[in-house]
Protein backbone atom coordinates (compact mmCIF):
# COMPACT_ATOMS: atom_id res chain seq x y z
CA MET A 1 2.14 1.37 -0.80
CA SER A 2 1.34 0.96 2.89
CA ALA A 3 2.36 -2.09 5.09
CA SER A 4 -0.80 -3.41 5.50
CA LEU A 5 -1.84 -2.98 1.74
CA ARG A 6 1.38 -4.96 0.78
CA GLU A 7 0.18 -7.88 3.22
CA GLU A 8 -3.03 -7.92 0.88
CA THR A 9 -1.47 -7.67 -2.38
CA GLY A 10 1.77 -9.32 -1.97
CA ASP A 11 5.12 -7.82 -2.97
CA ARG A 12 5.45 -10.51 -5.75
CA PRO A 13 6.98 -9.09 -9.02
CA LEU A 14 4.96 -8.66 -12.11
CA THR A 15 5.63 -11.96 -13.95
CA GLY A 16 3.43 -14.51 -16.02
CA PRO A 17 4.68 -17.55 -17.76
CA GLY A 18 6.77 -16.13 -20.33
CA GLY A 19 8.22 -13.21 -18.00
CA PRO A 20 7.11 -9.81 -17.13
CA VAL A 21 3.76 -8.93 -17.59
CA ARG A 22 3.42 -6.74 -20.48
CA VAL A 23 1.24 -3.20 -20.34
CA LEU A 24 0.62 -0.37 -22.83
CA VAL A 25 -0.22 2.37 -20.96
CA THR A 26 -1.46 5.21 -23.15
CA GLY A 27 -0.99 8.64 -22.20
CA GLY A 28 2.16 7.58 -20.05
CA THR A 29 4.09 10.76 -20.23
CA SER A 30 2.55 12.64 -17.54
CA GLY A 31 -0.14 12.63 -14.75
CA LEU A 32 -1.95 9.42 -14.20
CA GLY A 33 -0.77 7.68 -16.88
CA LEU A 34 3.19 8.00 -15.83
CA ALA A 35 2.05 7.27 -12.24
CA MET A 36 0.95 4.09 -13.44
CA ALA A 37 3.77 3.56 -15.79
CA SER A 38 5.91 4.17 -12.97
CA ALA A 39 4.34 1.61 -10.32
CA LEU A 40 4.03 -0.80 -13.20
CA ALA A 41 7.56 -0.72 -14.02
CA GLN A 42 9.04 -0.42 -10.40
CA ALA A 43 6.87 -3.90 -9.89
CA GLY A 44 8.76 -5.59 -12.65
CA ALA A 45 6.34 -5.35 -15.57
CA ALA A 46 7.66 -4.52 -19.22
CA VAL A 47 5.94 -1.18 -19.99
CA ALA A 48 4.91 0.71 -23.44
CA LEU A 49 4.19 4.18 -22.45
CA THR A 50 2.87 6.49 -25.17
CA GLY A 51 2.48 9.97 -25.69
CA ARG A 52 1.59 12.36 -28.78
CA SER A 53 5.42 13.36 -28.93
CA GLY A 54 7.73 10.21 -30.00
CA PRO A 55 10.76 11.98 -28.46
CA ARG A 56 9.09 12.87 -25.38
CA ALA A 57 7.37 9.44 -24.49
CA GLN A 58 11.17 7.73 -25.00
CA ALA A 59 13.05 10.43 -23.02
CA VAL A 60 10.34 9.57 -20.33
CA ALA A 61 10.54 5.66 -20.79
CA ALA A 62 14.19 6.03 -20.25
CA ASP A 63 13.98 6.72 -16.83
CA LEU A 64 11.77 3.55 -16.14
CA SER A 65 12.91 0.32 -15.78
CA GLY A 66 12.47 -2.04 -18.76
CA ALA A 67 9.79 0.78 -20.54
CA ILE A 68 10.21 2.01 -24.02
CA GLY A 69 8.15 5.11 -25.33
CA VAL A 70 5.70 4.84 -28.45
CA GLU A 71 4.36 7.91 -30.20
CA LEU A 72 0.56 7.75 -30.28
CA ASP A 73 -2.10 10.30 -31.17
CA VAL A 74 -5.30 8.91 -30.00
CA ARG A 75 -6.93 11.30 -32.65
CA ASP A 76 -5.78 9.35 -35.29
CA GLU A 77 -6.70 5.87 -36.05
CA SER A 78 -3.61 5.22 -38.30
CA SER A 79 -1.52 6.44 -35.31
CA VAL A 80 -3.17 4.24 -32.89
CA THR A 81 -2.77 1.07 -35.15
CA ARG A 82 1.11 1.99 -35.95
CA ALA A 83 1.62 2.52 -31.67
CA VAL A 84 -0.27 -0.92 -30.88
CA ASP A 85 1.97 -2.70 -33.30
CA GLU A 86 5.15 -1.14 -32.48
CA ALA A 87 4.33 -1.70 -28.63
CA TRP A 88 3.32 -5.42 -29.37
CA SER A 89 6.24 -6.17 -31.74
CA ARG A 90 8.49 -4.57 -28.89
CA LEU A 91 7.34 -5.95 -25.83
CA GLY A 92 6.49 -9.64 -27.74
CA GLY A 93 2.82 -9.17 -27.36
CA ILE A 94 0.42 -6.98 -24.71
CA ASP A 95 -0.78 -8.64 -21.83
CA MET A 96 -2.87 -5.71 -20.49
CA LEU A 97 -3.95 -2.08 -21.60
CA ALA A 98 -4.22 0.89 -19.64
CA ASN A 99 -6.25 3.13 -21.72
CA ASN A 100 -5.72 6.25 -19.68
CA ALA A 101 -4.92 8.70 -22.93
CA GLY A 102 -6.93 11.97 -22.09
CA ILE A 103 -8.59 10.56 -18.62
CA ALA A 104 -8.66 12.91 -15.66
CA SER A 105 -10.78 13.90 -12.78
CA THR A 106 -12.31 16.93 -14.39
CA MET A 107 -15.68 15.83 -15.55
CA HIS A 108 -17.30 18.61 -14.13
CA ARG A 109 -14.68 21.26 -14.58
CA ALA A 110 -15.87 25.03 -16.14
CA ARG A 111 -14.75 25.47 -19.80
CA PHE A 112 -13.78 21.86 -20.18
CA VAL A 113 -16.31 20.98 -23.08
CA PRO A 114 -16.28 18.90 -25.04
CA TYR A 115 -13.35 16.70 -22.76
CA GLY A 116 -15.66 16.36 -19.27
CA PRO A 117 -18.46 14.83 -21.65
CA SER A 118 -15.89 12.49 -23.44
CA ARG A 119 -14.33 11.60 -20.35
CA ALA A 120 -17.79 10.22 -19.02
CA GLY A 121 -18.41 8.73 -22.19
CA SER A 122 -15.36 6.66 -22.04
CA GLU A 123 -16.39 5.37 -18.77
CA ALA A 124 -20.16 4.24 -20.62
CA LEU A 125 -17.72 2.55 -22.98
CA SER A 126 -15.78 0.88 -20.95
CA ARG A 127 -18.97 -0.73 -19.20
CA ILE A 128 -20.44 -1.42 -22.45
CA MET A 129 -16.94 -3.36 -23.62
CA ALA A 130 -17.10 -5.39 -20.15
CA ALA A 131 -20.35 -6.43 -20.80
CA ASP A 132 -19.51 -7.67 -25.02
CA LEU A 133 -16.65 -9.11 -23.60
CA ARG A 134 -18.11 -11.24 -20.42
CA ASP A 135 -16.83 -14.87 -20.22
CA THR A 136 -14.02 -14.37 -23.47
CA GLY A 137 -11.15 -14.63 -21.08
CA VAL A 138 -10.41 -10.51 -21.66
CA THR A 139 -11.22 -8.41 -18.52
CA VAL A 140 -12.45 -4.97 -18.46
CA ASN A 141 -11.99 -2.46 -15.42
CA LEU A 142 -12.46 0.70 -14.80
CA LEU A 143 -9.66 2.86 -12.08
CA LEU A 144 -10.69 5.89 -11.43
CA PRO A 145 -8.41 8.15 -8.70
CA GLY A 146 -11.07 8.96 -6.56
CA GLY A 147 -11.10 12.94 -6.78
CA ALA A 148 -9.44 15.67 -8.44
CA THR A 149 -5.97 15.08 -9.33
CA VAL A 150 -2.84 17.32 -10.05
CA THR A 151 -2.17 16.41 -13.67
CA GLY A 152 -1.19 18.35 -16.76
CA MET A 153 -5.39 18.82 -16.96
CA LEU A 154 -5.46 20.24 -13.38
CA PRO A 155 -1.98 22.17 -12.73
CA LEU A 156 -0.74 22.97 -9.48
CA ASP A 157 -1.70 27.09 -9.96
CA ALA A 158 -5.32 25.74 -10.44
CA VAL A 159 -5.92 24.51 -7.04
CA PRO A 160 -8.03 26.82 -4.70
CA GLU A 161 -6.47 27.89 -1.50
CA GLY A 162 -7.15 25.43 1.27
CA ARG A 163 -8.26 22.78 -0.94
CA ALA A 164 -6.21 19.21 -1.21
CA PHE A 165 -6.01 17.72 -4.35
CA LEU A 166 -4.88 14.03 -4.83
CA ASP A 167 -1.57 12.91 -5.85
CA ALA A 168 -1.40 10.91 -9.17
CA ALA A 169 0.75 8.18 -7.70
CA VAL A 170 -2.64 7.11 -5.71
CA MET A 171 -3.35 5.24 -9.16
CA GLY A 172 -0.13 2.99 -8.81
CA PRO A 173 -1.39 0.25 -6.22
CA PRO A 174 -4.53 -0.56 -7.56
CA VAL A 175 -3.12 -1.00 -11.25
CA VAL A 176 -0.33 -2.83 -10.54
CA TRP A 177 -2.51 -5.40 -8.68
CA LEU A 178 -4.78 -5.42 -11.64
CA ALA A 179 -1.96 -6.59 -13.25
CA SER A 180 -1.08 -9.45 -11.10
CA GLU A 181 -2.26 -12.85 -11.15
CA ASP A 182 -4.02 -12.08 -8.06
CA ALA A 183 -6.95 -9.91 -10.29
CA SER A 184 -7.24 -12.61 -12.35
CA GLY A 185 -10.70 -12.83 -13.53
CA VAL A 186 -11.65 -9.61 -12.07
CA HIS A 187 -14.18 -8.15 -14.03
CA ASP A 188 -16.74 -5.16 -14.78
CA GLU A 189 -15.43 -3.41 -11.29
CA ARG A 190 -15.51 0.37 -10.77
CA ILE A 191 -12.27 0.62 -8.90
CA VAL A 192 -11.65 3.87 -6.63
CA ALA A 193 -7.91 4.15 -5.99
CA THR A 194 -8.86 6.48 -2.73
CA ASP A 195 -10.90 3.27 -1.34
CA PHE A 196 -8.49 0.70 -3.28
CA ALA A 197 -7.37 -0.75 0.36
CA HIS A 198 -10.70 -0.99 1.67
CA TRP A 199 -12.30 -2.36 -1.60
CA LEU A 200 -9.47 -5.43 -1.75
CA ARG A 201 -10.04 -6.03 1.82
CA ASP A 202 -13.73 -6.53 1.57
CA ARG A 203 -13.31 -8.68 -1.46
CA THR A 204 -10.37 -10.63 0.41
CA THR A 205 -12.67 -10.97 3.27
CA GLU A 206 -15.59 -12.11 1.17
CA ARG A 207 -13.73 -14.66 -0.92
CA ARG A 208 -12.35 -16.53 2.29
CA SER A 209 -15.91 -16.70 4.21
């Protein structure tokens, strides 16, 4: 995180009235999910990260301060229910969901049917959820990398020569901010990680004016 961005967001630990902010990160064993889980854990949140392999999720979580690993297969409704129940029980509740499993910037990549259309559908679903949950106290926001990102869905050997791809760590600062008190009440925003510092400065300026 840059010095200027640190001034905007502060360097406070992610804590709430009852202790650390409790975050469930789906698809947290690699790529964007791991980048977000790592940033949140480093910022002091209590993180439950999930993966289709329970042992892998536990092994990845063991390297993060205060994190736990939970088996979750988003294709299986009963697996989702069990994972949420386990995360809730072990964390003592859930304050934030980073609904990341399967999400990456490959909506236009050849041979990725039906993956790409399903991601576009996920974005539409989030906007609908935001509309449905308005004024309930539950906030819904979209956080996107801002371009093709090197993840498990886009390995390094798929990067054409001379073209730069984003590092998944770009998701860290905005997801930490979204988990903080500073984002309280922020709802139905589409935040692009590569433009986050500029977006936040504009928002801060507007609120002060």
